[in-house]
Protein backbone atom coordinates (compact mmCIF):
# COMPACT_ATOMS: atom_id res chain seq x y z
CA MET A 1 -14.98 3.34 -13.31
CA GLN A 2 -16.02 6.96 -13.52
CA PHE A 3 -15.89 9.81 -11.02
CA PRO A 4 -18.11 12.92 -10.97
CA ALA A 5 -16.98 15.82 -13.17
CA GLY A 6 -15.01 18.40 -11.22
CA ALA A 7 -14.25 16.07 -8.32
CA PRO A 8 -10.69 14.75 -8.15
CA PRO A 9 -10.42 10.96 -8.25
CA PRO A 10 -9.05 9.36 -5.09
CA VAL A 11 -5.36 8.56 -4.81
CA LYS A 12 -4.56 4.86 -4.40
CA VAL A 13 -1.57 4.28 -2.10
CA TYR A 14 0.53 1.21 -2.88
CA PRO A 15 3.00 0.18 -0.17
CA VAL A 16 6.15 -1.72 -1.05
CA ASN A 17 5.33 -5.40 -1.64
CA PRO A 18 6.70 -8.31 -3.72
CA GLU A 19 4.54 -7.78 -6.78
CA GLU A 20 5.32 -7.92 -10.48
CA GLY A 21 3.28 -7.99 -13.65
CA ILE A 22 2.04 -6.11 -16.70
CA THR A 23 -0.52 -3.29 -16.88
CA PHE A 24 -2.51 -2.28 -19.97
CA ILE A 25 -4.29 1.10 -19.75
CA LEU A 26 -7.42 0.97 -21.93
CA GLU A 27 -8.93 4.37 -21.04
CA GLY A 28 -7.76 7.35 -19.04
CA ASN A 29 -4.34 8.30 -17.71
CA LEU A 30 -2.20 7.16 -14.83
CA ARG A 31 0.43 9.15 -12.96
CA VAL A 32 2.70 7.74 -10.28
CA ALA A 33 3.82 10.02 -7.46
CA ASN A 34 6.59 9.22 -5.01
CA PRO A 35 5.75 11.06 -1.76
CA GLU A 36 9.31 10.66 -0.44
CA SER A 37 11.03 12.35 -3.39
CA GLY A 38 8.14 14.53 -4.54
CA LEU A 39 8.57 13.27 -8.13
CA SER A 40 5.59 12.45 -10.32
CA GLN A 41 5.55 10.87 -13.77
CA ALA A 42 2.99 9.65 -16.30
CA ARG A 43 2.85 5.95 -17.12
CA THR A 44 2.79 4.68 -20.70
CA ARG A 45 -0.30 2.88 -22.09
CA SER A 46 1.27 -0.47 -21.19
CA TYR A 47 4.18 -1.27 -18.92
CA VAL A 48 5.94 -4.06 -17.09
CA PHE A 49 6.44 -3.50 -13.37
CA GLY A 50 8.52 -5.17 -10.70
CA GLN A 51 8.84 -4.82 -6.97
CA PRO A 52 8.90 -1.11 -6.09
CA SER A 53 11.67 0.16 -3.87
CA SER A 54 9.51 2.85 -2.22
CA ARG A 55 5.86 3.74 -1.71
CA GLN A 56 3.95 4.93 -4.79
CA ASP A 57 0.72 6.90 -5.03
CA LEU A 58 -1.29 6.12 -8.17
CA VAL A 59 -3.19 9.16 -9.44
CA LEU A 60 -5.92 8.22 -11.91
CA SER A 61 -7.89 10.33 -14.37
CA PRO A 62 -11.64 10.81 -13.64
CA HIS A 63 -12.58 8.07 -16.13
CA PHE A 64 -10.29 5.07 -16.41
CA ARG A 65 -10.17 1.40 -17.31
CA PHE A 66 -7.14 -0.86 -17.22
CA ILE A 67 -6.09 -4.50 -17.04
CA HIS A 68 -3.59 -5.29 -14.31
CA VAL A 69 -2.00 -8.76 -14.66
CA ARG A 70 -0.13 -9.83 -11.53
CA PHE A 71 2.46 -12.58 -11.54
CA GLU A 72 3.86 -14.72 -8.78
CA PRO A 73 7.29 -13.48 -7.60
CA GLY A 74 10.00 -14.59 -10.05
CA THR A 75 7.68 -15.02 -13.05
CA LEU A 76 9.09 -12.09 -15.04
CA TYR A 77 12.54 -13.60 -14.72
CA ARG A 78 11.34 -17.04 -15.82
CA LEU A 79 9.39 -15.63 -18.80
CA PHE A 80 11.60 -12.79 -20.02
CA ARG A 81 14.89 -13.19 -18.09
CA LEU A 82 14.24 -9.78 -16.49
CA PRO A 83 15.85 -9.48 -13.05
């Protein structure tokens, strides 16, 4: 997906939900902002995620592509013994 040059990409708001999986960022950058704490941090090119404990705003670069693999709740524990 690509956004016009000079225009900021939209922010995707993710509420707290029982979701876990693995994300692979193929192109672009991803930052996660926590509106409650005001903290923002860049994500690595691939990461494992579990159920968030607060709302997260995903801030994407103008041009991005990623693979987001979602698992059923409890799958990360069954596969990797991650709580």
